[in-house]
Protein backbone atom coordinates (compact mmCIF):
# COMPACT_ATOMS: atom_id res chain seq x y z
CA MET A 1 -16.61 3.14 6.29
CA THR A 2 -13.73 1.66 8.24
CA LEU A 3 -11.30 -0.84 6.78
CA ARG A 4 -12.85 -3.55 8.97
CA GLU A 5 -16.35 -2.71 7.69
CA ALA A 6 -15.10 -2.84 4.09
CA LEU A 7 -13.50 -6.23 4.69
CA ASP A 8 -16.63 -7.57 6.39
CA ARG A 9 -18.87 -6.41 3.53
CA ARG A 10 -16.59 -7.72 0.79
CA SER A 11 -17.97 -10.60 -1.24
CA THR A 12 -17.24 -12.44 -4.43
CA THR A 13 -19.72 -12.40 -7.25
CA ASN A 14 -19.89 -15.10 -9.86
CA GLY A 15 -22.37 -13.23 -11.97
CA PRO A 16 -21.85 -11.06 -15.04
CA PHE A 17 -19.96 -7.81 -14.76
CA ARG A 18 -21.27 -4.45 -15.82
CA ALA A 19 -20.34 -3.74 -19.43
CA ASP A 20 -19.27 -0.17 -18.64
CA PRO A 21 -15.65 0.49 -19.60
CA VAL A 22 -13.26 0.83 -16.67
CA THR A 23 -11.95 4.38 -16.59
CA LEU A 24 -8.23 5.06 -16.82
CA GLU A 25 -8.38 6.47 -13.30
CA HIS A 26 -9.78 3.20 -11.98
CA GLN A 27 -7.30 1.18 -14.03
CA HIS A 28 -4.49 3.15 -12.39
CA ARG A 29 -6.03 2.52 -8.96
CA LEU A 30 -6.17 -1.21 -9.71
CA MET A 31 -2.52 -1.25 -10.72
CA GLU A 32 -1.49 0.72 -7.64
CA ALA A 33 -3.39 -1.66 -5.35
CA ALA A 34 -1.97 -4.72 -7.09
CA ALA A 35 1.57 -3.35 -6.93
CA ARG A 36 1.22 -2.92 -3.15
CA ALA A 37 0.39 -6.57 -2.54
CA PRO A 38 2.87 -8.23 -0.18
CA SER A 39 5.49 -10.57 -1.61
CA HIS A 40 8.30 -12.77 -0.34
CA PHE A 41 11.28 -10.56 0.62
CA ASN A 42 9.40 -7.70 -1.06
CA SER A 43 10.56 -9.21 -4.36
CA GLN A 44 7.36 -8.26 -6.21
CA PRO A 45 8.08 -10.85 -8.90
CA TRP A 46 4.94 -10.18 -10.88
CA ARG A 47 4.08 -8.11 -13.88
CA PHE A 48 0.54 -6.95 -14.46
CA VAL A 49 -1.25 -6.69 -17.76
CA LEU A 50 -4.58 -4.96 -18.22
CA VAL A 51 -6.60 -6.17 -21.19
CA SER A 52 -9.43 -4.00 -22.46
CA ASP A 53 -9.22 -4.92 -26.17
CA PRO A 54 -12.39 -6.92 -26.95
CA SER A 55 -10.65 -9.22 -29.46
CA VAL A 56 -7.96 -10.17 -26.92
CA ARG A 57 -10.57 -10.62 -24.18
CA GLU A 58 -12.49 -12.93 -26.53
CA LYS A 59 -9.38 -15.08 -27.11
CA VAL A 60 -8.79 -15.32 -23.36
CA ALA A 61 -12.49 -16.12 -22.91
CA ASP A 62 -12.25 -18.99 -25.41
CA ILE A 63 -9.32 -20.44 -23.46
CA ALA A 64 -11.20 -20.01 -20.16
CA GLY A 65 -14.28 -21.76 -21.53
CA ARG A 66 -12.35 -24.64 -23.07
CA THR A 67 -10.27 -25.11 -19.92
CA MET A 68 -13.35 -25.17 -17.67
CA LYS A 69 -15.00 -27.75 -19.92
CA GLU A 70 -11.88 -29.95 -19.82
CA LEU A 71 -11.52 -29.63 -16.04
CA MET A 72 -15.20 -30.49 -15.51
CA SER A 73 -15.46 -33.39 -17.93
CA GLY A 74 -12.27 -35.09 -16.71
CA GLY A 75 -13.15 -34.84 -13.03
CA ARG A 76 -10.14 -32.67 -12.20
CA PHE A 77 -12.30 -29.68 -11.24
CA PHE A 78 -14.09 -31.52 -8.44
CA GLY A 79 -10.90 -33.24 -7.33
CA ARG A 80 -9.10 -29.93 -7.06
CA TYR A 81 -11.86 -27.80 -5.53
CA ARG A 82 -13.90 -30.34 -3.54
CA LYS A 83 -12.55 -29.03 -0.25
CA TYR A 84 -14.06 -25.59 -0.95
CA PHE A 85 -17.67 -26.64 -1.63
CA ARG A 86 -20.21 -25.79 1.11
CA PHE A 87 -23.66 -27.36 1.01
CA SER A 88 -25.50 -25.47 3.74
CA ARG A 89 -25.64 -21.93 5.07
CA GLN A 90 -24.53 -23.30 8.46
CA GLU A 91 -21.45 -24.94 6.94
CA MET A 92 -20.62 -21.71 5.12
CA ASP A 93 -21.02 -19.66 8.30
CA ASP A 94 -18.93 -22.11 10.34
CA ARG A 95 -16.09 -22.38 7.81
CA ARG A 96 -16.15 -18.79 6.47
CA ASP A 97 -14.52 -19.93 3.23
CA GLY A 98 -15.38 -21.74 0.04
CA ILE A 99 -18.40 -21.45 -2.20
CA PHE A 100 -21.96 -22.02 -1.08
CA ILE A 101 -23.77 -24.31 -3.52
CA ASP A 102 -27.30 -22.98 -3.19
CA GLN A 103 -28.51 -22.41 -6.74
CA LEU A 104 -29.58 -25.98 -7.50
CA PRO A 105 -33.07 -27.17 -8.42
CA VAL A 106 -34.78 -28.49 -5.25
CA PRO A 107 -35.00 -32.13 -6.51
CA LEU A 108 -31.19 -32.23 -6.94
CA LYS A 109 -30.26 -30.90 -3.49
CA PRO A 110 -30.38 -34.30 -1.69
CA PHE A 111 -27.91 -35.73 -4.23
CA VAL A 112 -25.43 -32.88 -4.39
CA LYS A 113 -22.71 -34.52 -2.28
CA ARG A 114 -22.70 -37.53 -4.64
CA ILE A 115 -21.34 -35.26 -7.34
CA PHE A 116 -17.87 -36.25 -6.16
CA SER A 117 -18.32 -39.94 -6.98
CA ASP A 118 -17.45 -41.66 -10.27
CA THR A 119 -21.16 -42.17 -10.90
CA GLY A 120 -21.80 -38.48 -10.26
CA GLN A 121 -19.10 -37.57 -12.79
CA LYS A 122 -20.69 -39.84 -15.41
CA VAL A 123 -24.09 -38.24 -14.84
CA ILE A 124 -22.60 -34.75 -15.12
CA ASN A 125 -20.91 -35.64 -18.39
CA THR A 126 -24.03 -37.31 -19.78
CA LEU A 127 -26.13 -34.24 -18.98
CA GLY A 128 -23.61 -31.96 -20.74
CA VAL A 129 -22.81 -29.98 -17.60
CA PRO A 130 -19.12 -29.45 -18.54
CA ALA A 131 -20.08 -27.85 -21.87
CA THR A 132 -22.68 -25.64 -20.17
CA LEU A 133 -20.30 -24.47 -17.44
CA GLY A 134 -17.51 -23.99 -19.97
CA GLU A 135 -19.75 -21.73 -22.01
CA ASP A 136 -20.86 -19.86 -18.87
CA ASN A 137 -17.20 -19.30 -17.98
CA ARG A 138 -16.42 -18.15 -21.51
CA LYS A 139 -19.30 -15.65 -21.41
CA LEU A 140 -18.23 -14.35 -17.99
CA VAL A 141 -14.70 -13.60 -19.20
CA ALA A 142 -15.84 -12.26 -22.58
CA GLY A 143 -18.34 -9.97 -20.88
CA SER A 144 -15.75 -8.49 -18.54
CA PRO A 145 -14.86 -4.95 -19.60
CA LEU A 146 -11.31 -5.35 -18.26
CA LEU A 147 -9.06 -8.28 -17.45
CA LEU A 148 -6.16 -7.98 -15.04
CA ALA A 149 -3.52 -10.68 -15.44
CA ALA A 150 -0.77 -11.23 -12.88
CA LEU A 151 2.21 -12.80 -14.61
CA LEU A 152 5.33 -14.51 -13.23
CA THR A 153 8.45 -15.80 -14.88
CA LYS A 154 9.22 -19.52 -14.62
CA ASP A 155 12.05 -18.61 -12.25
CA GLU A 156 9.56 -17.26 -9.76
């Protein structure tokens, strides 16, 4: 496979990860790839931390779930990420970025763009969507066999 083919086939998954532990060899490969990422003036201001300890992953997962719930219930999530939502395959193909919102029940699809209104936010909160998505996010992080954190100092 050429580099171009690999880039063209690359995709993001929002589903659960395999529970298999990540081998030390693959952890080293991840660190090597991350360390080669370009940076301003080749400063490489980051430090990477790999987290495989289940108890630490669970604590990070709790923070991720709580944060998602807060972002969703306060409207900040949609305000911040609105520009990345795509509502049709054609829009996704034309823009080549964002996230395609295609996993909605059919009766909700005509109303999906109204999600960004104050009324839409009230409905979402009333239906408990923030709590559901927060829990989904918590489970996704908790179920990850390895977390890679890129850290910066406040100076950077």
